[in-house]
Amino acid sequence: MADLVPADALELLACPEDKSALSLAPTDQVEALNAAIAAGKIRNRAGEAVSEAVRGGLVRADEAYLYPIRDFPILLVDEGIELSQLG
């Protein structure tokens, strides 16, 4: 997962909502998220169903939201995924 966002670039990125630091989501969290996406259980902050698997994610410092990484990080508030959906 570390190759998705170089460490020096990760230091420059921040949550688009509260400007807090972001960290790479652990592999097990990404796998659980993709399983939930495949099961149709995940919605983004805009309320839209998430149907496309993610390659990785950037987790906000308070661990409330994950911003998906597909070909590149998607740092839009509406694209954030509330991690409480993973139960």
C-alpha atoms as a PDB file:
ATOM      1  CA  MET A   1       0.000   0.000   0.000  1.00  0.00           C
ATOM      2  CA  ALA A   2       2.869   2.375   0.719  1.00  0.00           C
ATOM      3  CA  ASP A   3       3.576   2.711  -3.002  1.00  0.00           C
ATOM      4  CA  LEU A   4       0.116   4.231  -3.638  1.00  0.00           C
ATOM      5  CA  VAL A   5       1.164   7.577  -2.151  1.00  0.00           C
ATOM      6  CA  PRO A   6       4.854   8.380  -1.645  1.00  0.00           C
ATOM      7  CA  ALA A   7       5.719   9.339   1.949  1.00  0.00           C
ATOM      8  CA  ASP A   8       6.831  12.841   0.975  1.00  0.00           C
ATOM      9  CA  ALA A   9       3.530  13.435  -0.834  1.00  0.00           C
ATOM     10  CA  LEU A  10       1.504  12.010   2.068  1.00  0.00           C
ATOM     11  CA  GLU A  11       3.040  14.623   4.376  1.00  0.00           C
ATOM     12  CA  LEU A  12       1.578  17.365   2.150  1.00  0.00           C
ATOM     13  CA  LEU A  13      -1.957  15.966   1.959  1.00  0.00           C
ATOM     14  CA  ALA A  14      -4.717  16.915   4.392  1.00  0.00           C
ATOM     15  CA  CYS A  15      -8.380  16.178   4.915  1.00  0.00           C
ATOM     16  CA  PRO A  16     -10.385  18.489   2.621  1.00  0.00           C
ATOM     17  CA  GLU A  17     -12.919  19.110   5.384  1.00  0.00           C
ATOM     18  CA  ASP A  18     -10.971  19.753   8.583  1.00  0.00           C
ATOM     19  CA  LYS A  19      -7.388  19.935   7.256  1.00  0.00           C
ATOM     20  CA  SER A  20      -6.208  17.194   9.635  1.00  0.00           C
ATOM     21  CA  ALA A  21      -3.431  14.775   8.710  1.00  0.00           C
ATOM     22  CA  LEU A  22      -4.131  11.703   6.600  1.00  0.00           C
ATOM     23  CA  SER A  23      -2.548   8.268   6.843  1.00  0.00           C
ATOM     24  CA  LEU A  24      -2.644   5.247   4.567  1.00  0.00           C
ATOM     25  CA  ALA A  25      -5.377   2.775   5.437  1.00  0.00           C
ATOM     26  CA  PRO A  26      -4.081  -0.604   6.588  1.00  0.00           C
ATOM     27  CA  THR A  27      -4.456  -3.481   4.125  1.00  0.00           C
ATOM     28  CA  ASP A  28      -7.044  -5.283   6.282  1.00  0.00           C
ATOM     29  CA  GLN A  29      -9.218  -2.163   6.412  1.00  0.00           C
ATOM     30  CA  VAL A  30      -9.065  -1.784   2.609  1.00  0.00           C
ATOM     31  CA  GLU A  31      -9.973  -5.459   2.174  1.00  0.00           C
ATOM     32  CA  ALA A  32     -12.937  -5.105   4.559  1.00  0.00           C
ATOM     33  CA  LEU A  33     -14.071  -1.964   2.755  1.00  0.00           C
ATOM     34  CA  ASN A  34     -13.893  -3.666  -0.646  1.00  0.00           C
ATOM     35  CA  ALA A  35     -15.896  -6.623   0.675  1.00  0.00           C
ATOM     36  CA  ALA A  36     -18.563  -4.228   1.975  1.00  0.00           C
ATOM     37  CA  ILE A  37     -18.548  -2.329  -1.340  1.00  0.00           C
ATOM     38  CA  ALA A  38     -19.055  -5.626  -3.215  1.00  0.00           C
ATOM     39  CA  ALA A  39     -21.969  -6.420  -0.891  1.00  0.00           C
ATOM     40  CA  GLY A  40     -23.589  -3.047  -1.663  1.00  0.00           C
ATOM     41  CA  LYS A  41     -23.294  -1.800   1.935  1.00  0.00           C
ATOM     42  CA  ILE A  42     -21.227   1.373   1.466  1.00  0.00           C
ATOM     43  CA  ARG A  43     -22.334   4.922   0.709  1.00  0.00           C
ATOM     44  CA  ASN A  44     -20.173   7.998   0.392  1.00  0.00           C
ATOM     45  CA  ARG A  45     -20.853  11.257   2.216  1.00  0.00           C
ATOM     46  CA  ALA A  46     -23.013  12.450  -0.676  1.00  0.00           C
ATOM     47  CA  GLY A  47     -25.298   9.468   0.003  1.00  0.00           C
ATOM     48  CA  GLU A  48     -24.398   7.681  -3.220  1.00  0.00           C
ATOM     49  CA  ALA A  49     -23.755   3.948  -3.262  1.00  0.00           C
ATOM     50  CA  VAL A  50     -20.080   3.143  -3.756  1.00  0.00           C
ATOM     51  CA  SER A  51     -19.785   0.442  -6.403  1.00  0.00           C
ATOM     52  CA  GLU A  52     -16.123   0.632  -7.442  1.00  0.00           C
ATOM     53  CA  ALA A  53     -13.479  -1.132  -5.349  1.00  0.00           C
ATOM     54  CA  VAL A  54     -10.625   0.979  -4.012  1.00  0.00           C
ATOM     55  CA  ARG A  55      -6.886   0.328  -4.363  1.00  0.00           C
ATOM     56  CA  GLY A  56      -6.290   1.958  -0.993  1.00  0.00           C
ATOM     57  CA  GLY A  57      -7.454   4.779   1.192  1.00  0.00           C
ATOM     58  CA  LEU A  58      -6.371   7.800   3.176  1.00  0.00           C
ATOM     59  CA  VAL A  59      -7.784   7.872   6.682  1.00  0.00           C
ATOM     60  CA  ARG A  60      -8.469  11.120   8.508  1.00  0.00           C
ATOM     61  CA  ALA A  61      -6.640  11.645  11.819  1.00  0.00           C
ATOM     62  CA  ASP A  62      -9.807  10.996  13.878  1.00  0.00           C
ATOM     63  CA  GLU A  63     -10.362   7.782  11.882  1.00  0.00           C
ATOM     64  CA  ALA A  64     -13.932   8.798  11.063  1.00  0.00           C
ATOM     65  CA  TYR A  65     -13.543   8.960   7.270  1.00  0.00           C
ATOM     66  CA  LEU A  66     -11.543   7.345   4.510  1.00  0.00           C
ATOM     67  CA  TYR A  67     -10.848   9.041   1.206  1.00  0.00           C
ATOM     68  CA  PRO A  68     -10.561   6.435  -1.560  1.00  0.00           C
ATOM     69  CA  ILE A  69      -7.521   5.843  -3.701  1.00  0.00           C
ATOM     70  CA  ARG A  70      -8.358   4.518  -7.120  1.00  0.00           C
ATOM     71  CA  ASP A  71      -5.861   5.655  -9.762  1.00  0.00           C
ATOM     72  CA  PHE A  72      -5.068   8.593  -7.446  1.00  0.00           C
ATOM     73  CA  PRO A  73      -6.375   9.872  -4.079  1.00  0.00           C
ATOM     74  CA  ILE A  74      -9.895  11.336  -4.301  1.00  0.00           C
ATOM     75  CA  LEU A  75      -9.820  14.159  -1.768  1.00  0.00           C
ATOM     76  CA  LEU A  76     -13.360  15.478  -2.112  1.00  0.00           C
ATOM     77  CA  VAL A  77     -15.576  15.742   0.979  1.00  0.00           C
ATOM     78  CA  ASP A  78     -18.538  14.114  -0.815  1.00  0.00           C
ATOM     79  CA  GLU A  79     -16.387  11.112  -1.814  1.00  0.00           C
ATOM     80  CA  GLY A  80     -15.349  10.408   1.781  1.00  0.00           C
ATOM     81  CA  ILE A  81     -16.521   7.104   3.252  1.00  0.00           C
ATOM     82  CA  GLU A  82     -17.642   6.994   6.865  1.00  0.00           C
ATOM     83  CA  LEU A  83     -15.697   4.143   8.438  1.00  0.00           C
ATOM     84  CA  SER A  84     -18.459   3.372  10.949  1.00  0.00           C
ATOM     85  CA  GLN A  85     -20.185   1.611   8.026  1.00  0.00           C
ATOM     86  CA  LEU A  86     -17.642  -1.198   8.390  1.00  0.00           C
ATOM     87  CA  GLY A  87     -19.132  -1.958  11.798  1.00  0.00           C
END
